[in-house]
Amino acid sequence: MMLGRKNKKINEYQNALVEQHYAEIENIYRTMRGWRHDWHNHIQALSAQLDSGEYEKARNYLDEINQSILKIDTVLKTGNTMADAILNSKISLMKSKQIEVEAEAQVPASLSVPDVDLCIIIGNLLDNAMEACSRLEPESRFVHIYIHVKGAMLYMSFTNSAGKKQRKVGNLFLSSKGSEHGFGLARVDSLVAQNGGYLTRASEDGGYTTEVTLPL
């Protein structure tokens, strides 16, 4: 009975997480679609200002457009549509939270890992990284993302700034975030194992790293 209730809670958490990730992804693409729709209007406005000799107004208008584009720019192009979507949505969110992000990623277009599993694994780990950073002062916040093919495996490393070294119990480190945090980590562990992969965690003063390898 207890195992059944736990599995139900984990499944409920997973469904909520997937909905959250897809909502973030859809928000980015909805904004980008809006930009494509408005682009013609921007060109017309700039042309009118230049034709009238209002060069300073045109310069200011271009600056405004540039600032808006920076907010929705596709930061990473990994080669995999799902990886692009979830990584860019999370990176955009992290930057809005004053987190310094360094990211390097190359992902094959086709993987043996289902898209939904990849979305949950990456999204959950980056959510945890953001949550850890939020407890620190803005100048101390960072997340480093590295994803590349190594041999027949897809290797992923996520490192975030953290406080003091955490105490480990089994394969997990203790956290003050609560039960949902535990369900999320348990789901990530389960999906990595189901897909024939491996996961390791390391906590040190000032930093926390999760490494995942998945078969191609």
C-alpha atoms as a PDB file:
ATOM      1  CA  MET A   1       0.000   0.000   0.000  1.00  0.00           C
ATOM      2  CA  MET A   2       2.734   2.462   1.001  1.00  0.00           C
ATOM      3  CA  LEU A   3       4.700   1.699  -2.171  1.00  0.00           C
ATOM      4  CA  GLY A   4       1.565   2.236  -4.239  1.00  0.00           C
ATOM      5  CA  ARG A   5       0.906   5.629  -2.632  1.00  0.00           C
ATOM      6  CA  LYS A   6       4.530   6.646  -3.189  1.00  0.00           C
ATOM      7  CA  ASN A   7       4.402   5.633  -6.859  1.00  0.00           C
ATOM      8  CA  LYS A   8       1.130   7.563  -7.266  1.00  0.00           C
ATOM      9  CA  LYS A   9       2.713  10.696  -5.783  1.00  0.00           C
ATOM     10  CA  ILE A  10       5.769  10.317  -8.019  1.00  0.00           C
ATOM     11  CA  ASN A  11       3.538   9.916 -11.100  1.00  0.00           C
ATOM     12  CA  GLU A  12       1.484  12.969 -10.103  1.00  0.00           C
ATOM     13  CA  TYR A  13       4.689  14.954  -9.627  1.00  0.00           C
ATOM     14  CA  GLN A  14       5.979  13.786 -13.013  1.00  0.00           C
ATOM     15  CA  ASN A  15       2.784  14.829 -14.792  1.00  0.00           C
ATOM     16  CA  ALA A  16       2.851  18.265 -13.162  1.00  0.00           C
ATOM     17  CA  LEU A  17       6.529  18.658 -14.072  1.00  0.00           C
ATOM     18  CA  VAL A  18       5.954  17.747 -17.717  1.00  0.00           C
ATOM     19  CA  GLU A  19       3.091  20.252 -17.929  1.00  0.00           C
ATOM     20  CA  GLN A  20       5.352  22.931 -16.417  1.00  0.00           C
ATOM     21  CA  HIS A  21       8.202  22.225 -18.840  1.00  0.00           C
ATOM     22  CA  TYR A  22       5.949  22.226 -21.885  1.00  0.00           C
ATOM     23  CA  ALA A  23       4.287  25.462 -20.723  1.00  0.00           C
ATOM     24  CA  GLU A  24       7.723  27.128 -20.479  1.00  0.00           C
ATOM     25  CA  ILE A  25       8.691  25.822 -23.916  1.00  0.00           C
ATOM     26  CA  GLU A  26       5.390  26.923 -25.465  1.00  0.00           C
ATOM     27  CA  ASN A  27       5.835  30.386 -23.956  1.00  0.00           C
ATOM     28  CA  ILE A  28       9.171  30.839 -25.734  1.00  0.00           C
ATOM     29  CA  TYR A  29       7.827  29.685 -29.098  1.00  0.00           C
ATOM     30  CA  ARG A  30       4.646  31.741 -28.709  1.00  0.00           C
ATOM     31  CA  THR A  31       6.791  34.833 -28.121  1.00  0.00           C
ATOM     32  CA  MET A  32       8.951  34.002 -31.139  1.00  0.00           C
ATOM     33  CA  ARG A  33       5.875  33.472 -33.333  1.00  0.00           C
ATOM     34  CA  GLY A  34       4.634  36.873 -32.187  1.00  0.00           C
ATOM     35  CA  TRP A  35       7.935  38.426 -33.234  1.00  0.00           C
ATOM     36  CA  ARG A  36       7.668  36.925 -36.724  1.00  0.00           C
ATOM     37  CA  HIS A  37       4.173  38.371 -36.991  1.00  0.00           C
ATOM     38  CA  ASP A  38       5.327  41.843 -35.849  1.00  0.00           C
ATOM     39  CA  TRP A  39       8.562  41.971 -37.846  1.00  0.00           C
ATOM     40  CA  HIS A  40       6.937  43.512 -40.929  1.00  0.00           C
ATOM     41  CA  ASN A  41       5.535  46.329 -38.773  1.00  0.00           C
ATOM     42  CA  HIS A  42       8.981  47.013 -37.286  1.00  0.00           C
ATOM     43  CA  ILE A  43      10.525  47.290 -40.770  1.00  0.00           C
ATOM     44  CA  GLN A  44       7.798  49.694 -41.902  1.00  0.00           C
ATOM     45  CA  ALA A  45       8.252  51.912 -38.825  1.00  0.00           C
ATOM     46  CA  LEU A  46      12.031  52.053 -39.274  1.00  0.00           C
ATOM     47  CA  SER A  47      11.698  52.813 -42.994  1.00  0.00           C
ATOM     48  CA  ALA A  48       9.305  55.670 -42.264  1.00  0.00           C
ATOM     49  CA  GLN A  49      11.681  57.166 -39.673  1.00  0.00           C
ATOM     50  CA  LEU A  50      14.671  56.915 -42.037  1.00  0.00           C
ATOM     51  CA  ASP A  51      12.689  58.406 -44.946  1.00  0.00           C
ATOM     52  CA  SER A  52      11.804  61.353 -42.689  1.00  0.00           C
ATOM     53  CA  GLY A  53      15.417  61.796 -41.601  1.00  0.00           C
ATOM     54  CA  GLU A  54      14.585  60.880 -37.990  1.00  0.00           C
ATOM     55  CA  TYR A  55      17.832  58.993 -37.519  1.00  0.00           C
ATOM     56  CA  GLU A  56      17.980  59.349 -33.743  1.00  0.00           C
ATOM     57  CA  LYS A  57      14.460  57.951 -33.386  1.00  0.00           C
ATOM     58  CA  ALA A  58      15.396  55.054 -35.682  1.00  0.00           C
ATOM     59  CA  ARG A  59      18.507  54.342 -33.582  1.00  0.00           C
ATOM     60  CA  ASN A  60      16.459  54.315 -30.362  1.00  0.00           C
ATOM     61  CA  TYR A  61      13.851  52.078 -31.980  1.00  0.00           C
ATOM     62  CA  LEU A  62      16.544  49.605 -33.049  1.00  0.00           C
ATOM     63  CA  ASP A  63      17.921  49.570 -29.500  1.00  0.00           C
ATOM     64  CA  GLU A  64      14.458  48.741 -28.156  1.00  0.00           C
ATOM     65  CA  ILE A  65      14.060  45.908 -30.668  1.00  0.00           C
ATOM     66  CA  ASN A  66      17.503  44.543 -29.796  1.00  0.00           C
ATOM     67  CA  GLN A  67      16.702  44.465 -26.073  1.00  0.00           C
ATOM     68  CA  SER A  68      13.480  42.581 -26.763  1.00  0.00           C
ATOM     69  CA  ILE A  69      15.265  40.046 -28.978  1.00  0.00           C
ATOM     70  CA  LEU A  70      17.872  39.390 -26.284  1.00  0.00           C
ATOM     71  CA  LYS A  71      15.096  38.309 -23.923  1.00  0.00           C
ATOM     72  CA  ILE A  72      13.886  35.548 -26.262  1.00  0.00           C
ATOM     73  CA  ASP A  73      17.045  34.662 -28.180  1.00  0.00           C
ATOM     74  CA  THR A  74      17.644  30.967 -28.752  1.00  0.00           C
ATOM     75  CA  VAL A  75      20.813  30.503 -26.749  1.00  0.00           C
ATOM     76  CA  LEU A  76      21.654  26.942 -27.722  1.00  0.00           C
ATOM     77  CA  LYS A  77      21.295  24.962 -30.909  1.00  0.00           C
ATOM     78  CA  THR A  78      22.249  21.442 -29.895  1.00  0.00           C
ATOM     79  CA  GLY A  79      21.016  19.564 -32.955  1.00  0.00           C
ATOM     80  CA  ASN A  80      18.107  17.986 -31.054  1.00  0.00           C
ATOM     81  CA  THR A  81      14.726  19.733 -31.064  1.00  0.00           C
ATOM     82  CA  MET A  82      13.596  18.610 -27.608  1.00  0.00           C
ATOM     83  CA  ALA A  83      16.968  19.385 -26.021  1.00  0.00           C
ATOM     84  CA  ASP A  84      16.937  22.848 -27.650  1.00  0.00           C
ATOM     85  CA  ALA A  85      13.455  23.546 -26.336  1.00  0.00           C
ATOM     86  CA  ILE A  86      13.952  22.519 -22.716  1.00  0.00           C
ATOM     87  CA  LEU A  87      17.485  23.934 -22.409  1.00  0.00           C
ATOM     88  CA  ASN A  88      16.601  27.310 -23.919  1.00  0.00           C
ATOM     89  CA  SER A  89      13.451  27.662 -21.823  1.00  0.00           C
ATOM     90  CA  LYS A  90      15.397  26.942 -18.625  1.00  0.00           C
ATOM     91  CA  ILE A  91      18.368  29.145 -19.571  1.00  0.00           C
ATOM     92  CA  SER A  92      15.999  32.028 -20.298  1.00  0.00           C
ATOM     93  CA  LEU A  93      14.372  31.506 -16.901  1.00  0.00           C
ATOM     94  CA  MET A  94      17.737  31.288 -15.112  1.00  0.00           C
ATOM     95  CA  LYS A  95      18.952  34.542 -16.656  1.00  0.00           C
ATOM     96  CA  SER A  96      15.768  36.258 -15.485  1.00  0.00           C
ATOM     97  CA  LYS A  97      16.705  35.118 -11.966  1.00  0.00           C
ATOM     98  CA  GLN A  98      20.180  36.713 -12.212  1.00  0.00           C
ATOM     99  CA  ILE A  99      21.964  33.379 -12.564  1.00  0.00           C
ATOM    100  CA  GLU A 100      25.150  33.369 -14.644  1.00  0.00           C
ATOM    101  CA  VAL A 101      24.886  30.548 -17.168  1.00  0.00           C
ATOM    102  CA  GLU A 102      27.647  28.810 -19.119  1.00  0.00           C
ATOM    103  CA  ALA A 103      26.337  26.216 -21.533  1.00  0.00           C
ATOM    104  CA  GLU A 104      27.871  23.973 -24.163  1.00  0.00           C
ATOM    105  CA  ALA A 105      25.750  21.240 -25.679  1.00  0.00           C
ATOM    106  CA  GLN A 106      25.663  18.949 -28.691  1.00  0.00           C
ATOM    107  CA  VAL A 107      22.913  16.338 -28.832  1.00  0.00           C
ATOM    108  CA  PRO A 108      22.196  13.897 -31.687  1.00  0.00           C
ATOM    109  CA  ALA A 109      18.924  14.530 -33.497  1.00  0.00           C
ATOM    110  CA  SER A 110      17.786  10.988 -32.731  1.00  0.00           C
ATOM    111  CA  LEU A 111      18.197   9.256 -29.369  1.00  0.00           C
ATOM    112  CA  SER A 112      17.079   5.966 -27.875  1.00  0.00           C
ATOM    113  CA  VAL A 113      15.810   7.958 -24.872  1.00  0.00           C
ATOM    114  CA  PRO A 114      12.169   9.096 -25.362  1.00  0.00           C
ATOM    115  CA  ASP A 115      11.714  12.853 -25.704  1.00  0.00           C
ATOM    116  CA  VAL A 116       9.495  13.043 -22.621  1.00  0.00           C
ATOM    117  CA  ASP A 117      12.153  11.273 -20.508  1.00  0.00           C
ATOM    118  CA  LEU A 118      14.884  13.604 -21.742  1.00  0.00           C
ATOM    119  CA  CYS A 119      12.644  16.579 -20.965  1.00  0.00           C
ATOM    120  CA  ILE A 120      11.989  15.395 -17.394  1.00  0.00           C
ATOM    121  CA  ILE A 121      15.646  14.586 -16.677  1.00  0.00           C
ATOM    122  CA  ILE A 122      17.101  17.858 -17.972  1.00  0.00           C
ATOM    123  CA  GLY A 123      14.225  20.019 -16.756  1.00  0.00           C
ATOM    124  CA  ASN A 124      14.190  18.591 -13.245  1.00  0.00           C
ATOM    125  CA  LEU A 125      17.955  18.858 -12.777  1.00  0.00           C
ATOM    126  CA  LEU A 126      17.981  22.467 -13.969  1.00  0.00           C
ATOM    127  CA  ASP A 127      15.008  23.305 -11.743  1.00  0.00           C
ATOM    128  CA  ASN A 128      16.979  21.927  -8.786  1.00  0.00           C
ATOM    129  CA  ALA A 129      20.004  23.982  -9.830  1.00  0.00           C
ATOM    130  CA  MET A 130      17.885  27.149 -10.009  1.00  0.00           C
ATOM    131  CA  GLU A 131      16.348  26.441  -6.611  1.00  0.00           C
ATOM    132  CA  ALA A 132      19.802  26.051  -5.055  1.00  0.00           C
ATOM    133  CA  CYS A 133      21.023  29.289  -6.645  1.00  0.00           C
ATOM    134  CA  SER A 134      17.991  31.208  -5.397  1.00  0.00           C
ATOM    135  CA  ARG A 135      19.208  30.761  -1.810  1.00  0.00           C
ATOM    136  CA  LEU A 136      22.425  32.650  -2.617  1.00  0.00           C
ATOM    137  CA  GLU A 137      23.232  36.281  -3.295  1.00  0.00           C
ATOM    138  CA  PRO A 138      22.897  37.201  -7.013  1.00  0.00           C
ATOM    139  CA  GLU A 139      26.642  37.724  -7.475  1.00  0.00           C
ATOM    140  CA  SER A 140      27.298  34.126  -6.325  1.00  0.00           C
ATOM    141  CA  ARG A 141      24.783  32.387  -8.600  1.00  0.00           C
ATOM    142  CA  PHE A 142      25.973  30.244 -11.497  1.00  0.00           C
ATOM    143  CA  VAL A 143      24.970  27.161 -13.470  1.00  0.00           C
ATOM    144  CA  HIS A 144      27.311  25.317 -15.831  1.00  0.00           C
ATOM    145  CA  ILE A 145      25.831  22.955 -18.422  1.00  0.00           C
ATOM    146  CA  TYR A 146      27.891  20.560 -20.512  1.00  0.00           C
ATOM    147  CA  ILE A 147      26.304  17.967 -22.813  1.00  0.00           C
ATOM    148  CA  HIS A 148      28.247  15.981 -25.421  1.00  0.00           C
ATOM    149  CA  VAL A 149      28.526  12.559 -26.993  1.00  0.00           C
ATOM    150  CA  LYS A 150      31.270  10.403 -25.513  1.00  0.00           C
ATOM    151  CA  GLY A 151      31.684   7.126 -27.341  1.00  0.00           C
ATOM    152  CA  ALA A 152      28.306   5.395 -27.414  1.00  0.00           C
ATOM    153  CA  MET A 153      26.918   7.524 -24.577  1.00  0.00           C
ATOM    154  CA  LEU A 154      25.363  10.949 -24.170  1.00  0.00           C
ATOM    155  CA  TYR A 155      27.171  12.623 -21.262  1.00  0.00           C
ATOM    156  CA  MET A 156      25.483  15.441 -19.330  1.00  0.00           C
ATOM    157  CA  SER A 157      26.958  17.489 -16.495  1.00  0.00           C
ATOM    158  CA  PHE A 158      25.076  20.137 -14.490  1.00  0.00           C
ATOM    159  CA  THR A 159      26.966  22.183 -11.886  1.00  0.00           C
ATOM    160  CA  ASN A 160      25.439  24.924  -9.790  1.00  0.00           C
ATOM    161  CA  SER A 161      26.620  27.225  -7.041  1.00  0.00           C
ATOM    162  CA  ALA A 162      25.677  26.020  -3.572  1.00  0.00           C
ATOM    163  CA  GLY A 163      26.334  26.640   0.097  1.00  0.00           C
ATOM    164  CA  LYS A 164      28.132  24.202   2.341  1.00  0.00           C
ATOM    165  CA  LYS A 165      28.712  20.580   1.407  1.00  0.00           C
ATOM    166  CA  GLN A 166      25.570  18.488   1.874  1.00  0.00           C
ATOM    167  CA  ARG A 167      25.326  15.204   3.735  1.00  0.00           C
ATOM    168  CA  LYS A 168      24.625  12.198   1.531  1.00  0.00           C
ATOM    169  CA  VAL A 169      22.092   9.460   2.336  1.00  0.00           C
ATOM    170  CA  GLY A 170      22.228   6.625  -0.180  1.00  0.00           C
ATOM    171  CA  ASN A 171      22.469   8.179  -3.644  1.00  0.00           C
ATOM    172  CA  LEU A 172      20.799  11.437  -2.578  1.00  0.00           C
ATOM    173  CA  PHE A 173      21.941  14.489  -0.644  1.00  0.00           C
ATOM    174  CA  LEU A 174      19.725  15.864   2.105  1.00  0.00           C
ATOM    175  CA  SER A 175      17.801  18.986   1.154  1.00  0.00           C
ATOM    176  CA  SER A 176      15.562  21.458   2.918  1.00  0.00           C
ATOM    177  CA  LYS A 177      13.304  21.752  -0.119  1.00  0.00           C
ATOM    178  CA  GLY A 178      10.855  19.067   1.006  1.00  0.00           C
ATOM    179  CA  SER A 179       9.145  15.951  -0.321  1.00  0.00           C
ATOM    180  CA  GLU A 180       8.517  17.241  -3.855  1.00  0.00           C
ATOM    181  CA  HIS A 181      12.264  17.702  -4.258  1.00  0.00           C
ATOM    182  CA  GLY A 182      12.705  14.064  -3.230  1.00  0.00           C
ATOM    183  CA  PHE A 183      10.048  12.859  -5.661  1.00  0.00           C
ATOM    184  CA  GLY A 184      11.707  14.789  -8.480  1.00  0.00           C
ATOM    185  CA  LEU A 185      15.132  13.329  -7.793  1.00  0.00           C
ATOM    186  CA  ALA A 186      13.677   9.845  -7.420  1.00  0.00           C
ATOM    187  CA  ARG A 187      11.942  10.223 -10.785  1.00  0.00           C
ATOM    188  CA  VAL A 188      15.171  11.329 -12.464  1.00  0.00           C
ATOM    189  CA  ASP A 189      17.026   8.350 -10.961  1.00  0.00           C
ATOM    190  CA  SER A 190      14.276   6.007 -12.122  1.00  0.00           C
ATOM    191  CA  LEU A 191      14.238   7.335 -15.699  1.00  0.00           C
ATOM    192  CA  VAL A 192      18.021   7.213 -16.010  1.00  0.00           C
ATOM    193  CA  ALA A 193      18.003   3.594 -14.815  1.00  0.00           C
ATOM    194  CA  GLN A 194      15.067   2.642 -17.089  1.00  0.00           C
ATOM    195  CA  ASN A 195      16.999   3.972 -20.087  1.00  0.00           C
ATOM    196  CA  GLY A 196      20.149   2.026 -19.196  1.00  0.00           C
ATOM    197  CA  GLY A 197      22.084   5.041 -17.988  1.00  0.00           C
ATOM    198  CA  TYR A 198      24.108   6.072 -14.957  1.00  0.00           C
ATOM    199  CA  LEU A 199      23.878   9.012 -12.572  1.00  0.00           C
ATOM    200  CA  THR A 200      26.283  10.396  -9.992  1.00  0.00           C
ATOM    201  CA  ARG A 201      26.066  13.355  -7.629  1.00  0.00           C
ATOM    202  CA  ALA A 202      28.838  15.285  -5.900  1.00  0.00           C
ATOM    203  CA  SER A 203      28.548  18.033  -3.293  1.00  0.00           C
ATOM    204  CA  GLU A 204      31.385  20.308  -2.209  1.00  0.00           C
ATOM    205  CA  ASP A 205      31.518  23.640  -0.438  1.00  0.00           C
ATOM    206  CA  GLY A 206      30.342  26.179  -3.001  1.00  0.00           C
ATOM    207  CA  GLY A 207      29.189  23.753  -5.686  1.00  0.00           C
ATOM    208  CA  TYR A 208      26.956  20.792  -6.529  1.00  0.00           C
ATOM    209  CA  THR A 209      27.299  18.591  -9.633  1.00  0.00           C
ATOM    210  CA  THR A 210      25.091  15.954 -11.208  1.00  0.00           C
ATOM    211  CA  GLU A 211      26.466  13.803 -14.020  1.00  0.00           C
ATOM    212  CA  VAL A 212      24.275  11.630 -16.231  1.00  0.00           C
ATOM    213  CA  THR A 213      25.234   9.215 -18.999  1.00  0.00           C
ATOM    214  CA  LEU A 214      22.615   7.749 -21.327  1.00  0.00           C
ATOM    215  CA  PRO A 215      23.121   5.266 -24.170  1.00  0.00           C
ATOM    216  CA  LEU A 216      22.667   6.614 -27.674  1.00  0.00           C
END
